């Protein structure tokens, strides 16, 4: 919220993150809905869904760290949209589920120092490692296959709970 020199968080940076993570998510979903709502139920089956919206939040929505106000707020907004969006889309037979991943192996995490990686592993419950793309994909598949998963934010994080890490002033 304020840097070492006493300057406040620039609103331009906050807006940039919100535009990508919140506005971008809403824009994508709203543009898909006219197509999804026109999907036909198979043989008039009332239990046939017309689509599933899977959004991505982050554990930062719940365990944000210093310096993550913009990111945590944006991912919290995505998580907060899940229930009302599911309620809006229920009459159309469209489910909404949000996945809130913890730390996953990626090109971005590949750039982390071994010290940072070790620190993250220290707050992981089990397994004490970063998640893999196959594990994320498996959850997406489960969401798609299980019609009872709706209006839910699912943490996919191996039990990680990020402690507050205070910056040195």
Foldseek 3Di string as FASTA:
>chain_A
DADPVRHDDDVVVLVVLLCVQPVVLVVVVVVCVVVQLPADAPPPDPQRASEEAEAEAACCLVAPEPVCPSNNVSSVVVLVVFQVVQVVCVVSRYFYEYEHEYFADDPVVVPDDVVVLVVQLVQADPPSHHHYPVQVVVVVVVCVVDSVDGSYYHYHYNRGHDDYDDDDD
